[in-house]
């Protein structure tokens, strides 16, 4: 479960057993987590994060989309 980016209390990471899914990123805050598809950017799942925080995270995913896609492919091509 490599962490590819940290912004404040947000931890952006992947799970190693999800390589059959489209490119995506998991974002964890304390015990809550959401998942965004990366191309196109779309909320895939939310587990316990308040909607206004999800919108803030979505903006960060847009800002860092290129980096997140690069890290996703680097990790899953190994």
PDB file of N, CA and C in Angstrom:
ATOM      1  N   UNK A   1       0.848  -1.172   0.000  1.00  0.00           N
ATOM      2  CA  UNK A   1       0.000   0.000   0.000  1.00  0.00           C
ATOM      3  C   UNK A   1       0.897   1.240   0.000  1.00  0.00           C
ATOM      4  N   UNK A   2       1.544   1.493  -1.109  1.00  0.00           N
ATOM      5  CA  UNK A   2       2.493   2.613  -1.150  1.00  0.00           C
ATOM      6  C   UNK A   2       1.803   3.976  -1.131  1.00  0.00           C
ATOM      7  N   UNK A   3       2.342   4.862  -0.337  1.00  0.00           N
ATOM      8  CA  UNK A   3       1.891   6.246  -0.315  1.00  0.00           C
ATOM      9  C   UNK A   3       2.622   6.989  -1.421  1.00  0.00           C
ATOM     10  N   UNK A   4       1.868   7.665  -2.276  1.00  0.00           N
ATOM     11  CA  UNK A   4       2.487   8.385  -3.389  1.00  0.00           C
ATOM     12  C   UNK A   4       2.450   9.899  -3.198  1.00  0.00           C
ATOM     13  N   UNK A   5       1.622  10.374  -2.250  1.00  0.00           N
ATOM     14  CA  UNK A   5       1.507  11.809  -2.034  1.00  0.00           C
ATOM     15  C   UNK A   5       0.863  12.039  -0.670  1.00  0.00           C
ATOM     16  N   UNK A   6       1.363  13.031   0.023  1.00  0.00           N
ATOM     17  CA  UNK A   6       0.741  13.480   1.278  1.00  0.00           C
ATOM     18  C   UNK A   6       0.514  14.984   1.167  1.00  0.00           C
ATOM     19  N   UNK A   7      -0.708  15.382   1.465  1.00  0.00           N
ATOM     20  CA  UNK A   7      -1.049  16.803   1.500  1.00  0.00           C
ATOM     21  C   UNK A   7      -1.838  17.018   2.780  1.00  0.00           C
ATOM     22  N   UNK A   8      -1.234  17.715   3.736  1.00  0.00           N
ATOM     23  CA  UNK A   8      -1.878  17.887   5.033  1.00  0.00           C
ATOM     24  C   UNK A   8      -2.152  16.533   5.657  1.00  0.00           C
ATOM     25  N   UNK A   9      -3.397  16.293   6.028  1.00  0.00           N
ATOM     26  CA  UNK A   9      -3.769  15.013   6.637  1.00  0.00           C
ATOM     27  C   UNK A   9      -4.231  13.985   5.612  1.00  0.00           C
ATOM     28  N   UNK A  10      -4.148  14.325   4.327  1.00  0.00           N
ATOM     29  CA  UNK A  10      -4.589  13.413   3.265  1.00  0.00           C
ATOM     30  C   UNK A  10      -3.425  12.535   2.810  1.00  0.00           C
ATOM     31  N   UNK A  11      -3.663  11.222   2.789  1.00  0.00           N
ATOM     32  CA  UNK A  11      -2.661  10.285   2.298  1.00  0.00           C
ATOM     33  C   UNK A  11      -3.189   9.639   1.031  1.00  0.00           C
ATOM     34  N   UNK A  12      -2.503   9.858  -0.078  1.00  0.00           N
ATOM     35  CA  UNK A  12      -2.875   9.311  -1.387  1.00  0.00           C
ATOM     36  C   UNK A  12      -2.081   8.023  -1.578  1.00  0.00           C
ATOM     37  N   UNK A  13      -2.780   6.921  -1.843  1.00  0.00           N
ATOM     38  CA  UNK A  13      -2.085   5.639  -1.928  1.00  0.00           C
ATOM     39  C   UNK A  13      -2.808   4.669  -2.862  1.00  0.00           C
ATOM     40  N   UNK A  14      -2.118   3.551  -3.147  1.00  0.00           N
ATOM     41  CA  UNK A  14      -2.665   2.460  -3.953  1.00  0.00           C
ATOM     42  C   UNK A  14      -2.691   1.191  -3.122  1.00  0.00           C
ATOM     43  N   UNK A  15      -3.502   0.237  -3.552  1.00  0.00           N
ATOM     44  CA  UNK A  15      -3.446  -1.126  -3.024  1.00  0.00           C
ATOM     45  C   UNK A  15      -2.829  -2.001  -4.108  1.00  0.00           C
ATOM     46  N   UNK A  16      -2.025  -2.932  -3.715  1.00  0.00           N
ATOM     47  CA  UNK A  16      -1.291  -3.740  -4.698  1.00  0.00           C
ATOM     48  C   UNK A  16      -2.164  -4.757  -5.424  1.00  0.00           C
ATOM     49  N   UNK A  17      -3.320  -5.091  -4.906  1.00  0.00           N
ATOM     50  CA  UNK A  17      -4.146  -6.142  -5.503  1.00  0.00           C
ATOM     51  C   UNK A  17      -5.268  -5.618  -6.391  1.00  0.00           C
ATOM     52  N   UNK A  18      -5.154  -4.400  -6.882  1.00  0.00           N
ATOM     53  CA  UNK A  18      -6.225  -3.808  -7.693  1.00  0.00           C
ATOM     54  C   UNK A  18      -5.779  -3.473  -9.112  1.00  0.00           C
ATOM     55  N   UNK A  19      -4.850  -4.224  -9.642  1.00  0.00           N
ATOM     56  CA  UNK A  19      -4.306  -3.892 -10.957  1.00  0.00           C
ATOM     57  C   UNK A  19      -5.264  -4.171 -12.107  1.00  0.00           C
ATOM     58  N   UNK A  20      -6.365  -4.876 -11.869  1.00  0.00           N
ATOM     59  CA  UNK A  20      -7.330  -5.142 -12.942  1.00  0.00           C
ATOM     60  C   UNK A  20      -8.383  -4.053 -13.059  1.00  0.00           C
ATOM     61  N   UNK A  21      -8.276  -3.023 -12.254  1.00  0.00           N
ATOM     62  CA  UNK A  21      -9.208  -1.902 -12.319  1.00  0.00           C
ATOM     63  C   UNK A  21      -8.593  -0.766 -13.125  1.00  0.00           C
ATOM     64  N   UNK A  22      -9.425   0.151 -13.592  1.00  0.00           N
ATOM     65  CA  UNK A  22      -8.882   1.349 -14.253  1.00  0.00           C
ATOM     66  C   UNK A  22      -8.016   2.142 -13.271  1.00  0.00           C
ATOM     67  N   UNK A  23      -7.169   3.037 -13.774  1.00  0.00           N
ATOM     68  CA  UNK A  23      -6.318   3.846 -12.895  1.00  0.00           C
ATOM     69  C   UNK A  23      -7.153   4.599 -11.851  1.00  0.00           C
ATOM     70  N   UNK A  24      -6.706   4.536 -10.610  1.00  0.00           N
ATOM     71  CA  UNK A  24      -7.432   5.174  -9.520  1.00  0.00           C
ATOM     72  C   UNK A  24      -6.473   5.453  -8.372  1.00  0.00           C
ATOM     73  N   UNK A  25      -6.983   6.224  -7.417  1.00  0.00           N
ATOM     74  CA  UNK A  25      -6.205   6.579  -6.221  1.00  0.00           C
ATOM     75  C   UNK A  25      -7.127   6.498  -5.009  1.00  0.00           C
ATOM     76  N   UNK A  26      -6.581   6.017  -3.896  1.00  0.00           N
ATOM     77  CA  UNK A  26      -7.288   6.004  -2.618  1.00  0.00           C
ATOM     78  C   UNK A  26      -6.742   7.155  -1.783  1.00  0.00           C
ATOM     79  N   UNK A  27      -7.642   7.828  -1.075  1.00  0.00           N
ATOM     80  CA  UNK A  27      -7.226   8.911  -0.202  1.00  0.00           C
ATOM     81  C   UNK A  27      -7.763   8.611   1.188  1.00  0.00           C
ATOM     82  N   UNK A  28      -6.861   8.579   2.142  1.00  0.00           N
ATOM     83  CA  UNK A  28      -7.215   8.249   3.512  1.00  0.00           C
ATOM     84  C   UNK A  28      -7.045   9.458   4.415  1.00  0.00           C
ATOM     85  N   UNK A  29      -8.024   9.627   5.311  1.00  0.00           N
ATOM     86  CA  UNK A  29      -7.970  10.638   6.361  1.00  0.00           C
ATOM     87  C   UNK A  29      -8.401   9.914   7.634  1.00  0.00           C
ATOM     88  N   UNK A  30      -7.499   9.759   8.561  1.00  0.00           N
ATOM     89  CA  UNK A  30      -7.792   9.019   9.791  1.00  0.00           C
ATOM     90  C   UNK A  30      -8.343   7.637   9.429  1.00  0.00           C
ATOM     91  N   UNK A  31      -9.570   7.320   9.866  1.00  0.00           N
ATOM     92  CA  UNK A  31     -10.166   6.011   9.577  1.00  0.00           C
ATOM     93  C   UNK A  31     -11.105   6.037   8.378  1.00  0.00           C
ATOM     94  N   UNK A  32     -11.199   7.152   7.683  1.00  0.00           N
ATOM     95  CA  UNK A  32     -12.088   7.287   6.528  1.00  0.00           C
ATOM     96  C   UNK A  32     -11.274   7.242   5.241  1.00  0.00           C
ATOM     97  N   UNK A  33     -11.937   6.862   4.143  1.00  0.00           N
ATOM     98  CA  UNK A  33     -11.233   6.756   2.863  1.00  0.00           C
ATOM     99  C   UNK A  33     -12.198   6.961   1.708  1.00  0.00           C
ATOM    100  N   UNK A  34     -11.684   7.557   0.644  1.00  0.00           N
ATOM    101  CA  UNK A  34     -12.428   7.632  -0.599  1.00  0.00           C
ATOM    102  C   UNK A  34     -11.521   7.175  -1.730  1.00  0.00           C
ATOM    103  N   UNK A  35     -12.129   6.922  -2.877  1.00  0.00           N
ATOM    104  CA  UNK A  35     -11.401   6.421  -4.042  1.00  0.00           C
ATOM    105  C   UNK A  35     -11.878   7.211  -5.256  1.00  0.00           C
ATOM    106  N   UNK A  36     -10.917   7.668  -6.060  1.00  0.00           N
ATOM    107  CA  UNK A  36     -11.230   8.400  -7.285  1.00  0.00           C
ATOM    108  C   UNK A  36     -10.644   7.674  -8.487  1.00  0.00           C
ATOM    109  N   UNK A  37     -11.438   7.527  -9.527  1.00  0.00           N
ATOM    110  CA  UNK A  37     -10.901   7.127 -10.828  1.00  0.00           C
ATOM    111  C   UNK A  37     -10.084   8.309 -11.318  1.00  0.00           C
ATOM    112  N   UNK A  38      -9.019   8.035 -12.059  1.00  0.00           N
ATOM    113  CA  UNK A  38      -8.108   9.104 -12.477  1.00  0.00           C
ATOM    114  C   UNK A  38      -8.308   9.578 -13.917  1.00  0.00           C
ATOM    115  N   UNK A  39      -8.987   8.802 -14.738  1.00  0.00           N
ATOM    116  CA  UNK A  39      -9.148   9.227 -16.133  1.00  0.00           C
ATOM    117  C   UNK A  39     -10.418   8.620 -16.723  1.00  0.00           C
ATOM    118  N   UNK A  40     -11.507   9.373 -16.724  1.00  0.00           N
ATOM    119  CA  UNK A  40     -11.674  10.732 -16.206  1.00  0.00           C
ATOM    120  C   UNK A  40     -11.777  10.705 -14.682  1.00  0.00           C
ATOM    121  N   UNK A  41     -11.553  11.844 -14.074  1.00  0.00           N
ATOM    122  CA  UNK A  41     -11.624  11.951 -12.627  1.00  0.00           C
ATOM    123  C   UNK A  41     -13.087  11.881 -12.195  1.00  0.00           C
ATOM    124  N   UNK A  42     -13.338  10.910 -11.307  1.00  0.00           N
ATOM    125  CA  UNK A  42     -14.704  10.662 -10.861  1.00  0.00           C
ATOM    126  C   UNK A  42     -14.646   9.940  -9.521  1.00  0.00           C
ATOM    127  N   UNK A  43     -15.469  10.349  -8.587  1.00  0.00           N
ATOM    128  CA  UNK A  43     -15.527   9.672  -7.299  1.00  0.00           C
ATOM    129  C   UNK A  43     -16.045   8.258  -7.507  1.00  0.00           C
ATOM    130  N   UNK A  44     -15.268   7.275  -7.091  1.00  0.00           N
ATOM    131  CA  UNK A  44     -15.661   5.871  -7.230  1.00  0.00           C
ATOM    132  C   UNK A  44     -16.330   5.355  -5.966  1.00  0.00           C
ATOM    133  N   UNK A  45     -15.853   5.828  -4.809  1.00  0.00           N
ATOM    134  CA  UNK A  45     -16.373   5.334  -3.539  1.00  0.00           C
ATOM    135  C   UNK A  45     -16.000   6.299  -2.431  1.00  0.00           C
ATOM    136  N   UNK A  46     -16.887   6.405  -1.458  1.00  0.00           N
ATOM    137  CA  UNK A  46     -16.599   7.224  -0.283  1.00  0.00           C
ATOM    138  C   UNK A  46     -17.026   6.441   0.952  1.00  0.00           C
ATOM    139  N   UNK A  47     -16.121   6.342   1.896  1.00  0.00           N
ATOM    140  CA  UNK A  47     -16.412   5.631   3.132  1.00  0.00           C
ATOM    141  C   UNK A  47     -16.074   6.529   4.319  1.00  0.00           C
ATOM    142  N   UNK A  48     -17.024   7.392   4.672  1.00  0.00           N
ATOM    143  CA  UNK A  48     -16.891   8.163   5.891  1.00  0.00           C
ATOM    144  C   UNK A  48     -16.320   9.560   5.789  1.00  0.00           C
ATOM    145  N   UNK A  49     -16.089  10.066   4.587  1.00  0.00           N
ATOM    146  CA  UNK A  49     -15.560  11.424   4.441  1.00  0.00           C
ATOM    147  C   UNK A  49     -16.714  12.370   4.115  1.00  0.00           C
ATOM    148  N   UNK A  50     -16.758  13.484   4.814  1.00  0.00           N
ATOM    149  CA  UNK A  50     -17.842  14.451   4.603  1.00  0.00           C
ATOM    150  C   UNK A  50     -17.776  15.021   3.188  1.00  0.00           C
ATOM    151  N   UNK A  51     -18.950  15.303   2.600  1.00  0.00           N
ATOM    152  CA  UNK A  51     -18.997  15.769   1.206  1.00  0.00           C
ATOM    153  C   UNK A  51     -18.122  16.981   0.905  1.00  0.00           C
ATOM    154  N   UNK A  52     -18.053  17.956   1.802  1.00  0.00           N
ATOM    155  CA  UNK A  52     -17.240  19.142   1.498  1.00  0.00           C
ATOM    156  C   UNK A  52     -15.751  18.783   1.479  1.00  0.00           C
ATOM    157  N   UNK A  53     -15.344  17.787   2.248  1.00  0.00           N
ATOM    158  CA  UNK A  53     -13.955  17.331   2.222  1.00  0.00           C
ATOM    159  C   UNK A  53     -13.687  16.546   0.937  1.00  0.00           C
ATOM    160  N   UNK A  54     -14.662  15.757   0.503  1.00  0.00           N
ATOM    161  CA  UNK A  54     -14.518  15.017  -0.760  1.00  0.00           C
ATOM    162  C   UNK A  54     -14.311  15.996  -1.909  1.00  0.00           C
ATOM    163  N   UNK A  55     -15.034  17.099  -1.911  1.00  0.00           N
ATOM    164  CA  UNK A  55     -14.865  18.108  -2.970  1.00  0.00           C
ATOM    165  C   UNK A  55     -13.466  18.718  -2.922  1.00  0.00           C
ATOM    166  N   UNK A  56     -12.961  18.953  -1.723  1.00  0.00           N
ATOM    167  CA  UNK A  56     -11.598  19.476  -1.578  1.00  0.00           C
ATOM    168  C   UNK A  56     -10.572  18.466  -2.111  1.00  0.00           C
ATOM    169  N   UNK A  57     -10.773  17.214  -1.781  1.00  0.00           N
ATOM    170  CA  UNK A  57      -9.880  16.153  -2.270  1.00  0.00           C
ATOM    171  C   UNK A  57      -9.958  16.052  -3.782  1.00  0.00           C
ATOM    172  N   UNK A  58     -11.161  16.151  -4.337  1.00  0.00           N
ATOM    173  CA  UNK A  58     -11.330  16.081  -5.788  1.00  0.00           C
ATOM    174  C   UNK A  58     -10.513  17.171  -6.484  1.00  0.00           C
ATOM    175  N   UNK A  59     -10.507  18.358  -5.928  1.00  0.00           N
ATOM    176  CA  UNK A  59      -9.701  19.444  -6.493  1.00  0.00           C
ATOM    177  C   UNK A  59      -8.217  19.075  -6.478  1.00  0.00           C
ATOM    178  N   UNK A  60      -7.768  18.456  -5.392  1.00  0.00           N
ATOM    179  CA  UNK A  60      -6.364  18.035  -5.306  1.00  0.00           C
ATOM    180  C   UNK A  60      -6.053  16.937  -6.320  1.00  0.00           C
ATOM    181  N   UNK A  61      -6.996  16.044  -6.544  1.00  0.00           N
ATOM    182  CA  UNK A  61      -6.800  14.995  -7.553  1.00  0.00           C
ATOM    183  C   UNK A  61      -6.656  15.634  -8.937  1.00  0.00           C
ATOM    184  N   UNK A  62      -7.478  16.640  -9.241  1.00  0.00           N
ATOM    185  CA  UNK A  62      -7.343  17.354 -10.520  1.00  0.00           C
ATOM    186  C   UNK A  62      -5.974  18.013 -10.637  1.00  0.00           C
ATOM    187  N   UNK A  63      -5.549  18.679  -9.588  1.00  0.00           N
ATOM    188  CA  UNK A  63      -4.262  19.383  -9.614  1.00  0.00           C
ATOM    189  C   UNK A  63      -3.103  18.415  -9.828  1.00  0.00           C
ATOM    190  N   UNK A  64      -3.190  17.239  -9.220  1.00  0.00           N
ATOM    191  CA  UNK A  64      -2.084  16.284  -9.238  1.00  0.00           C
ATOM    192  C   UNK A  64      -2.346  15.076 -10.140  1.00  0.00           C
ATOM    193  N   UNK A  65      -3.322  15.186 -11.029  1.00  0.00           N
ATOM    194  CA  UNK A  65      -3.713  14.057 -11.874  1.00  0.00           C
ATOM    195  C   UNK A  65      -2.534  13.445 -12.631  1.00  0.00           C
ATOM    196  N   UNK A  66      -1.717  14.255 -13.250  1.00  0.00           N
ATOM    197  CA  UNK A  66      -0.595  13.744 -14.041  1.00  0.00           C
ATOM    198  C   UNK A  66       0.370  12.929 -13.163  1.00  0.00           C
ATOM    199  N   UNK A  67       0.732  13.459 -12.023  1.00  0.00           N
ATOM    200  CA  UNK A  67       1.617  12.753 -11.097  1.00  0.00           C
ATOM    201  C   UNK A  67       0.984  11.449 -10.626  1.00  0.00           C
ATOM    202  N   UNK A  68      -0.296  11.486 -10.266  1.00  0.00           N
ATOM    203  CA  UNK A  68      -0.974  10.297  -9.757  1.00  0.00           C
ATOM    204  C   UNK A  68      -1.058   9.212 -10.819  1.00  0.00           C
ATOM    205  N   UNK A  69      -1.337   9.594 -12.059  1.00  0.00           N
ATOM    206  CA  UNK A  69      -1.354   8.611 -13.152  1.00  0.00           C
ATOM    207  C   UNK A  69       0.036   8.014 -13.374  1.00  0.00           C
ATOM    208  N   UNK A  70       1.043   8.849 -13.349  1.00  0.00           N
ATOM    209  CA  UNK A  70       2.418   8.369 -13.527  1.00  0.00           C
ATOM    210  C   UNK A  70       2.780   7.365 -12.430  1.00  0.00           C
ATOM    211  N   UNK A  71       2.478   7.707 -11.192  1.00  0.00           N
ATOM    212  CA  UNK A  71       2.782   6.811 -10.072  1.00  0.00           C
ATOM    213  C   UNK A  71       1.973   5.523 -10.149  1.00  0.00           C
ATOM    214  N   UNK A  72       0.715   5.632 -10.579  1.00  0.00           N
ATOM    215  CA  UNK A  72      -0.136   4.449 -10.725  1.00  0.00           C
ATOM    216  C   UNK A  72       0.483   3.472 -11.722  1.00  0.00           C
ATOM    217  N   UNK A  73       0.840   3.975 -12.904  1.00  0.00           N
ATOM    218  CA  UNK A  73       1.411   3.098 -13.928  1.00  0.00           C
ATOM    219  C   UNK A  73       2.781   2.574 -13.522  1.00  0.00           C
ATOM    220  N   UNK A  74       3.597   3.389 -12.894  1.00  0.00           N
ATOM    221  CA  UNK A  74       4.898   2.930 -12.410  1.00  0.00           C
ATOM    222  C   UNK A  74       4.736   1.765 -11.431  1.00  0.00           C
ATOM    223  N   UNK A  75       3.796   1.906 -10.518  1.00  0.00           N
ATOM    224  CA  UNK A  75       3.605   0.886  -9.498  1.00  0.00           C
ATOM    225  C   UNK A  75       3.008  -0.396 -10.077  1.00  0.00           C
ATOM    226  N   UNK A  76       2.019  -0.284 -10.932  1.00  0.00           N
ATOM    227  CA  UNK A  76       1.314  -1.468 -11.429  1.00  0.00           C
ATOM    228  C   UNK A  76       1.981  -2.153 -12.614  1.00  0.00           C
ATOM    229  N   UNK A  77       3.013  -1.582 -13.156  1.00  0.00           N
ATOM    230  CA  UNK A  77       3.738  -2.230 -14.245  1.00  0.00           C
ATOM    231  C   UNK A  77       4.902  -3.077 -13.746  1.00  0.00           C
ATOM    232  N   UNK A  78       5.142  -3.069 -12.462  1.00  0.00           N
ATOM    233  CA  UNK A  78       6.273  -3.820 -11.894  1.00  0.00           C
ATOM    234  C   UNK A  78       5.973  -5.299 -11.875  1.00  0.00           C
TER     235      UNK A  78
END
